[in-house]
PDB file of N, CA and C in Angstrom:
ATOM      1  N   LYS A   1     -35.768   3.183  16.656  1.00  0.00           N
ATOM      2  CA  LYS A   1     -34.930   4.307  17.034  1.00  0.00           C
ATOM      3  C   LYS A   1     -35.580   5.592  16.559  1.00  0.00           C
ATOM      4  N   SER A   2     -35.707   6.511  17.442  1.00  0.00           N
ATOM      5  CA  SER A   2     -36.434   7.736  17.123  1.00  0.00           C
ATOM      6  C   SER A   2     -35.682   8.649  16.160  1.00  0.00           C
ATOM      7  N   GLU A   3     -34.378   8.508  16.048  1.00  0.00           N
ATOM      8  CA  GLU A   3     -33.630   9.384  15.149  1.00  0.00           C
ATOM      9  C   GLU A   3     -33.671   8.914  13.690  1.00  0.00           C
ATOM     10  N   TRP A   4     -34.293   7.779  13.442  1.00  0.00           N
ATOM     11  CA  TRP A   4     -34.442   7.241  12.092  1.00  0.00           C
ATOM     12  C   TRP A   4     -35.908   7.298  11.673  1.00  0.00           C
ATOM     13  N   ARG A   5     -36.156   7.582  10.403  1.00  0.00           N
ATOM     14  CA  ARG A   5     -37.504   7.410   9.856  1.00  0.00           C
ATOM     15  C   ARG A   5     -37.404   6.406   8.717  1.00  0.00           C
ATOM     16  N   SER A   6     -38.488   5.724   8.427  1.00  0.00           N
ATOM     17  CA  SER A   6     -38.434   4.648   7.436  1.00  0.00           C
ATOM     18  C   SER A   6     -39.387   4.907   6.279  1.00  0.00           C
ATOM     19  N   GLU A   7     -39.081   4.253   5.160  1.00  0.00           N
ATOM     20  CA  GLU A   7     -39.919   4.309   3.968  1.00  0.00           C
ATOM     21  C   GLU A   7     -39.761   2.990   3.227  1.00  0.00           C
ATOM     22  N   SER A   8     -40.866   2.427   2.783  1.00  0.00           N
ATOM     23  CA  SER A   8     -40.832   1.211   1.970  1.00  0.00           C
ATOM     24  C   SER A   8     -40.847   1.606   0.500  1.00  0.00           C
ATOM     25  N   LEU A   9     -40.012   0.919  -0.295  1.00  0.00           N
ATOM     26  CA  LEU A   9     -39.946   1.160  -1.730  1.00  0.00           C
ATOM     27  C   LEU A   9     -40.378  -0.098  -2.467  1.00  0.00           C
ATOM     28  N   GLY A  10     -40.919   0.085  -3.665  1.00  0.00           N
ATOM     29  CA  GLY A  10     -41.294  -1.060  -4.486  1.00  0.00           C
ATOM     30  C   GLY A  10     -40.985  -0.802  -5.946  1.00  0.00           C
ATOM     31  N   TRP A  11     -40.666  -1.869  -6.664  1.00  0.00           N
ATOM     32  CA  TRP A  11     -40.436  -1.823  -8.095  1.00  0.00           C
ATOM     33  C   TRP A  11     -41.571  -2.594  -8.761  1.00  0.00           C
ATOM     34  N   ILE A  12     -42.232  -1.965  -9.716  1.00  0.00           N
ATOM     35  CA  ILE A  12     -43.371  -2.562 -10.400  1.00  0.00           C
ATOM     36  C   ILE A  12     -43.001  -2.812 -11.856  1.00  0.00           C
ATOM     37  N   ASP A  13     -43.308  -4.011 -12.354  1.00  0.00           N
ATOM     38  CA  ASP A  13     -43.127  -4.324 -13.773  1.00  0.00           C
ATOM     39  C   ASP A  13     -44.210  -3.584 -14.550  1.00  0.00           C
ATOM     40  N   GLU A  14     -43.811  -2.695 -15.457  1.00  0.00           N
ATOM     41  CA  GLU A  14     -44.775  -1.882 -16.198  1.00  0.00           C
ATOM     42  C   GLU A  14     -45.673  -2.717 -17.104  1.00  0.00           C
ATOM     43  N   LYS A  15     -45.178  -3.854 -17.570  1.00  0.00           N
ATOM     44  CA  LYS A  15     -45.967  -4.700 -18.479  1.00  0.00           C
ATOM     45  C   LYS A  15     -47.028  -5.501 -17.739  1.00  0.00           C
ATOM     46  N   THR A  16     -46.669  -6.051 -16.581  1.00  0.00           N
ATOM     47  CA  THR A  16     -47.585  -6.938 -15.862  1.00  0.00           C
ATOM     48  C   THR A  16     -48.253  -6.273 -14.666  1.00  0.00           C
ATOM     49  N   GLY A  17     -47.686  -5.175 -14.182  1.00  0.00           N
ATOM     50  CA  GLY A  17     -48.223  -4.522 -12.997  1.00  0.00           C
ATOM     51  C   GLY A  17     -47.871  -5.231 -11.700  1.00  0.00           C
ATOM     52  N   GLN A  18     -46.991  -6.235 -11.776  1.00  0.00           N
ATOM     53  CA  GLN A  18     -46.623  -7.007 -10.592  1.00  0.00           C
ATOM     54  C   GLN A  18     -45.418  -6.395  -9.880  1.00  0.00           C
ATOM     55  N   LEU A  19     -45.401  -6.583  -8.568  1.00  0.00           N
ATOM     56  CA  LEU A  19     -44.271  -6.158  -7.758  1.00  0.00           C
ATOM     57  C   LEU A  19     -43.081  -7.071  -8.062  1.00  0.00           C
ATOM     58  N   VAL A  20     -41.945  -6.487  -8.453  1.00  0.00           N
ATOM     59  CA  VAL A  20     -40.770  -7.285  -8.810  1.00  0.00           C
ATOM     60  C   VAL A  20     -39.555  -6.975  -7.932  1.00  0.00           C
ATOM     61  N   GLY A  21     -39.701  -6.035  -7.014  1.00  0.00           N
ATOM     62  CA  GLY A  21     -38.608  -5.706  -6.110  1.00  0.00           C
ATOM     63  C   GLY A  21     -39.123  -4.873  -4.950  1.00  0.00           C
ATOM     64  N   ALA A  22     -38.361  -4.895  -3.852  1.00  0.00           N
ATOM     65  CA  ALA A  22     -38.770  -4.136  -2.670  1.00  0.00           C
ATOM     66  C   ALA A  22     -37.551  -3.763  -1.841  1.00  0.00           C
ATOM     67  N   GLY A  23     -37.717  -2.736  -1.049  1.00  0.00           N
ATOM     68  CA  GLY A  23     -36.638  -2.327  -0.162  1.00  0.00           C
ATOM     69  C   GLY A  23     -37.157  -1.459   0.965  1.00  0.00           C
ATOM     70  N   LEU A  24     -36.433  -1.455   2.058  1.00  0.00           N
ATOM     71  CA  LEU A  24     -36.730  -0.599   3.199  1.00  0.00           C
ATOM     72  C   LEU A  24     -35.603   0.418   3.306  1.00  0.00           C
ATOM     73  N   VAL A  25     -35.965   1.688   3.306  1.00  0.00           N
ATOM     74  CA  VAL A  25     -34.982   2.763   3.447  1.00  0.00           C
ATOM     75  C   VAL A  25     -35.142   3.380   4.828  1.00  0.00           C
ATOM     76  N   LEU A  26     -34.025   3.537   5.513  1.00  0.00           N
ATOM     77  CA  LEU A  26     -33.998   4.256   6.785  1.00  0.00           C
ATOM     78  C   LEU A  26     -33.263   5.571   6.552  1.00  0.00           C
ATOM     79  N   TYR A  27     -33.863   6.659   6.991  1.00  0.00           N
ATOM     80  CA  TYR A  27     -33.266   7.984   6.836  1.00  0.00           C
ATOM     81  C   TYR A  27     -32.838   8.493   8.203  1.00  0.00           C
ATOM     82  N   ARG A  28     -31.648   9.051   8.248  1.00  0.00           N
ATOM     83  CA  ARG A  28     -31.179   9.688   9.486  1.00  0.00           C
ATOM     84  C   ARG A  28     -30.649  11.070   9.139  1.00  0.00           C
ATOM     85  N   GLN A  29     -31.206  12.073   9.797  1.00  0.00           N
ATOM     86  CA  GLN A  29     -30.775  13.446   9.548  1.00  0.00           C
ATOM     87  C   GLN A  29     -29.472  13.717  10.270  1.00  0.00           C
ATOM     88  N   LEU A  30     -28.573  14.377   9.571  1.00  0.00           N
ATOM     89  CA  LEU A  30     -27.310  14.757  10.195  1.00  0.00           C
ATOM     90  C   LEU A  30     -27.509  15.997  11.050  1.00  0.00           C
ATOM     91  N   PRO A  31     -26.777  16.086  12.136  1.00  0.00           N
ATOM     92  CA  PRO A  31     -26.897  17.262  13.003  1.00  0.00           C
ATOM     93  C   PRO A  31     -26.565  18.550  12.248  1.00  0.00           C
ATOM     94  N   LYS A  32     -27.351  19.570  12.488  1.00  0.00           N
ATOM     95  CA  LYS A  32     -27.133  20.930  11.988  1.00  0.00           C
ATOM     96  C   LYS A  32     -27.406  21.128  10.504  1.00  0.00           C
ATOM     97  N   ILE A  33     -27.708  20.084   9.759  1.00  0.00           N
ATOM     98  CA  ILE A  33     -28.058  20.264   8.348  1.00  0.00           C
ATOM     99  C   ILE A  33     -29.363  19.524   8.068  1.00  0.00           C
ATOM    100  N   LYS A  34     -30.004  19.882   7.008  1.00  0.00           N
ATOM    101  CA  LYS A  34     -31.284  19.269   6.678  1.00  0.00           C
ATOM    102  C   LYS A  34     -31.127  18.225   5.576  1.00  0.00           C
ATOM    103  N   ARG A  35     -30.072  17.467   5.642  1.00  0.00           N
ATOM    104  CA  ARG A  35     -29.815  16.400   4.675  1.00  0.00           C
ATOM    105  C   ARG A  35     -29.785  15.075   5.426  1.00  0.00           C
ATOM    106  N   TYR A  36     -30.013  14.002   4.691  1.00  0.00           N
ATOM    107  CA  TYR A  36     -30.159  12.690   5.310  1.00  0.00           C
ATOM    108  C   TYR A  36     -29.179  11.675   4.742  1.00  0.00           C
ATOM    109  N   LEU A  37     -28.801  10.745   5.591  1.00  0.00           N
ATOM    110  CA  LEU A  37     -28.139   9.524   5.167  1.00  0.00           C
ATOM    111  C   LEU A  37     -29.259   8.533   4.905  1.00  0.00           C
ATOM    112  N   ALA A  38     -29.280   7.925   3.725  1.00  0.00           N
ATOM    113  CA  ALA A  38     -30.275   6.902   3.397  1.00  0.00           C
ATOM    114  C   ALA A  38     -29.588   5.546   3.499  1.00  0.00           C
ATOM    115  N   TYR A  39     -30.171   4.648   4.273  1.00  0.00           N
ATOM    116  CA  TYR A  39     -29.574   3.340   4.540  1.00  0.00           C
ATOM    117  C   TYR A  39     -30.587   2.254   4.207  1.00  0.00           C
ATOM    118  N   LEU A  40     -30.195   1.325   3.338  1.00  0.00           N
ATOM    119  CA  LEU A  40     -31.011   0.154   3.011  1.00  0.00           C
ATOM    120  C   LEU A  40     -30.318  -1.040   3.644  1.00  0.00           C
ATOM    121  N   PRO A  41     -30.740  -1.467   4.839  1.00  0.00           N
ATOM    122  CA  PRO A  41     -30.002  -2.478   5.597  1.00  0.00           C
ATOM    123  C   PRO A  41     -29.976  -3.866   4.967  1.00  0.00           C
ATOM    124  N   GLU A  42     -30.970  -4.225   4.197  1.00  0.00           N
ATOM    125  CA  GLU A  42     -31.042  -5.579   3.635  1.00  0.00           C
ATOM    126  C   GLU A  42     -31.380  -5.560   2.155  1.00  0.00           C
ATOM    127  N   GLY A  43     -30.798  -4.699   1.424  1.00  0.00           N
ATOM    128  CA  GLY A  43     -31.216  -4.738   0.021  1.00  0.00           C
ATOM    129  C   GLY A  43     -30.869  -3.476  -0.719  1.00  0.00           C
ATOM    130  N   PRO A  44     -31.650  -3.212  -1.710  1.00  0.00           N
ATOM    131  CA  PRO A  44     -32.992  -3.688  -1.985  1.00  0.00           C
ATOM    132  C   PRO A  44     -33.006  -5.111  -2.536  1.00  0.00           C
ATOM    133  N   VAL A  45     -34.161  -5.732  -2.475  1.00  0.00           N
ATOM    134  CA  VAL A  45     -34.345  -7.066  -3.035  1.00  0.00           C
ATOM    135  C   VAL A  45     -34.827  -6.870  -4.465  1.00  0.00           C
ATOM    136  N   ILE A  46     -33.878  -6.949  -5.396  1.00  0.00           N
ATOM    137  CA  ILE A  46     -34.158  -6.799  -6.823  1.00  0.00           C
ATOM    138  C   ILE A  46     -33.351  -7.848  -7.570  1.00  0.00           C
ATOM    139  N   ASN A  47     -33.507  -7.895  -8.880  1.00  0.00           N
ATOM    140  CA  ASN A  47     -32.733  -8.814  -9.708  1.00  0.00           C
ATOM    141  C   ASN A  47     -31.346  -8.212  -9.948  1.00  0.00           C
ATOM    142  N   TRP A  48     -30.397  -8.571  -9.105  1.00  0.00           N
ATOM    143  CA  TRP A  48     -29.043  -8.025  -9.197  1.00  0.00           C
ATOM    144  C   TRP A  48     -28.284  -8.520 -10.420  1.00  0.00           C
ATOM    145  N   TYR A  49     -28.811  -9.526 -11.112  1.00  0.00           N
ATOM    146  CA  TYR A  49     -28.158 -10.060 -12.304  1.00  0.00           C
ATOM    147  C   TYR A  49     -28.753  -9.502 -13.591  1.00  0.00           C
ATOM    148  N   ALA A  50     -29.685  -8.586 -13.474  1.00  0.00           N
ATOM    149  CA  ALA A  50     -30.315  -7.992 -14.653  1.00  0.00           C
ATOM    150  C   ALA A  50     -29.266  -7.254 -15.484  1.00  0.00           C
ATOM    151  N   PRO A  51     -29.325  -7.410 -16.802  1.00  0.00           N
ATOM    152  CA  PRO A  51     -28.352  -6.712 -17.648  1.00  0.00           C
ATOM    153  C   PRO A  51     -28.527  -5.192 -17.606  1.00  0.00           C
ATOM    154  N   ASN A  52     -29.695  -4.742 -17.215  1.00  0.00           N
ATOM    155  CA  ASN A  52     -29.992  -3.311 -17.148  1.00  0.00           C
ATOM    156  C   ASN A  52     -30.097  -2.839 -15.695  1.00  0.00           C
ATOM    157  N   LEU A  53     -29.169  -3.245 -14.865  1.00  0.00           N
ATOM    158  CA  LEU A  53     -29.217  -2.943 -13.430  1.00  0.00           C
ATOM    159  C   LEU A  53     -29.344  -1.442 -13.163  1.00  0.00           C
ATOM    160  N   ASP A  54     -28.729  -0.629 -14.000  1.00  0.00           N
ATOM    161  CA  ASP A  54     -28.825   0.818 -13.829  1.00  0.00           C
ATOM    162  C   ASP A  54     -30.276   1.292 -13.906  1.00  0.00           C
ATOM    163  N   GLU A  55     -31.087   0.631 -14.738  1.00  0.00           N
ATOM    164  CA  GLU A  55     -32.502   0.997 -14.860  1.00  0.00           C
ATOM    165  C   GLU A  55     -33.285   0.647 -13.594  1.00  0.00           C
ATOM    166  N   TRP A  56     -32.763  -0.248 -12.778  1.00  0.00           N
ATOM    167  CA  TRP A  56     -33.385  -0.586 -11.495  1.00  0.00           C
ATOM    168  C   TRP A  56     -32.963   0.411 -10.418  1.00  0.00           C
ATOM    169  N   LEU A  57     -31.681   0.772 -10.415  1.00  0.00           N
ATOM    170  CA  LEU A  57     -31.136   1.590  -9.328  1.00  0.00           C
ATOM    171  C   LEU A  57     -31.311   3.093  -9.521  1.00  0.00           C
ATOM    172  N   GLN A  58     -31.229   3.567 -10.753  1.00  0.00           N
ATOM    173  CA  GLN A  58     -31.282   5.014 -10.975  1.00  0.00           C
ATOM    174  C   GLN A  58     -32.582   5.652 -10.493  1.00  0.00           C
ATOM    175  N   PRO A  59     -33.757   5.058 -10.754  1.00  0.00           N
ATOM    176  CA  PRO A  59     -34.985   5.668 -10.206  1.00  0.00           C
ATOM    177  C   PRO A  59     -34.984   5.725  -8.673  1.00  0.00           C
ATOM    178  N   MET A  60     -34.419   4.707  -8.031  1.00  0.00           N
ATOM    179  CA  MET A  60     -34.334   4.709  -6.572  1.00  0.00           C
ATOM    180  C   MET A  60     -33.442   5.857  -6.097  1.00  0.00           C
ATOM    181  N   LEU A  61     -32.285   6.017  -6.720  1.00  0.00           N
ATOM    182  CA  LEU A  61     -31.366   7.079  -6.320  1.00  0.00           C
ATOM    183  C   LEU A  61     -31.975   8.458  -6.547  1.00  0.00           C
ATOM    184  N   THR A  62     -32.699   8.620  -7.651  1.00  0.00           N
ATOM    185  CA  THR A  62     -33.380   9.883  -7.926  1.00  0.00           C
ATOM    186  C   THR A  62     -34.415  10.177  -6.848  1.00  0.00           C
ATOM    187  N   HIS A  63     -35.186   9.168  -6.466  1.00  0.00           N
ATOM    188  CA  HIS A  63     -36.192   9.333  -5.411  1.00  0.00           C
ATOM    189  C   HIS A  63     -35.534   9.704  -4.079  1.00  0.00           C
ATOM    190  N   LEU A  64     -34.460   9.011  -3.722  1.00  0.00           N
ATOM    191  CA  LEU A  64     -33.791   9.287  -2.447  1.00  0.00           C
ATOM    192  C   LEU A  64     -33.229  10.706  -2.417  1.00  0.00           C
ATOM    193  N   LYS A  65     -32.710  11.152  -3.542  1.00  0.00           N
ATOM    194  CA  LYS A  65     -32.190  12.518  -3.612  1.00  0.00           C
ATOM    195  C   LYS A  65     -33.319  13.531  -3.408  1.00  0.00           C
ATOM    196  N   LYS A  66     -34.489  13.257  -4.000  1.00  0.00           N
ATOM    197  CA  LYS A  66     -35.639  14.152  -3.811  1.00  0.00           C
ATOM    198  C   LYS A  66     -36.096  14.176  -2.355  1.00  0.00           C
ATOM    199  N   GLN A  67     -35.837  13.102  -1.626  1.00  0.00           N
ATOM    200  CA  GLN A  67     -36.201  13.030  -0.213  1.00  0.00           C
ATOM    201  C   GLN A  67     -35.169  13.719   0.680  1.00  0.00           C
ATOM    202  N   GLY A  68     -34.084  14.214   0.093  1.00  0.00           N
ATOM    203  CA  GLY A  68     -33.081  14.944   0.860  1.00  0.00           C
ATOM    204  C   GLY A  68     -31.837  14.151   1.202  1.00  0.00           C
ATOM    205  N   ALA A  69     -31.689  12.962   0.618  1.00  0.00           N
ATOM    206  CA  ALA A  69     -30.512  12.139   0.917  1.00  0.00           C
ATOM    207  C   ALA A  69     -29.280  12.691   0.201  1.00  0.00           C
ATOM    208  N   PHE A  70     -28.184  12.751   0.910  1.00  0.00           N
ATOM    209  CA  PHE A  70     -26.914  13.157   0.310  1.00  0.00           C
ATOM    210  C   PHE A  70     -26.024  11.945   0.055  1.00  0.00           C
ATOM    211  N   SER A  71     -26.328  10.831   0.721  1.00  0.00           N
ATOM    212  CA  SER A  71     -25.537   9.612   0.587  1.00  0.00           C
ATOM    213  C   SER A  71     -26.451   8.411   0.781  1.00  0.00           C
ATOM    214  N   VAL A  72     -26.129   7.321   0.064  1.00  0.00           N
ATOM    215  CA  VAL A  72     -26.916   6.092   0.163  1.00  0.00           C
ATOM    216  C   VAL A  72     -25.972   4.952   0.511  1.00  0.00           C
ATOM    217  N   LYS A  73     -26.339   4.201   1.535  1.00  0.00           N
ATOM    218  CA  LYS A  73     -25.569   3.022   1.930  1.00  0.00           C
ATOM    219  C   LYS A  73     -26.487   1.809   1.829  1.00  0.00           C
ATOM    220  N   MET A  74     -25.998   0.770   1.158  1.00  0.00           N
ATOM    221  CA  MET A  74     -26.759  -0.473   1.044  1.00  0.00           C
ATOM    222  C   MET A  74     -26.024  -1.550   1.813  1.00  0.00           C
ATOM    223  N   GLY A  75     -26.754  -2.185   2.756  1.00  0.00           N
ATOM    224  CA  GLY A  75     -26.170  -3.143   3.681  1.00  0.00           C
ATOM    225  C   GLY A  75     -25.738  -4.394   3.053  1.00  0.00           C
TER     226      GLY A  75
END
């Protein structure tokens, strides 16, 4: 769909350097404003049972906000 743009995200373990999570973000600009709805249709694929889940999600939300997202929806 031409009205959506996509971006792949990854989570890297700082100790091992290995990829430990991934997600696809779709951005759609709202009419008349320069802000985006960020939609992750299938994820992200991360350890949802981690005791420090906020440490997984907060960097993603910060990144999406820097990209112009005003709202994030996870499928």
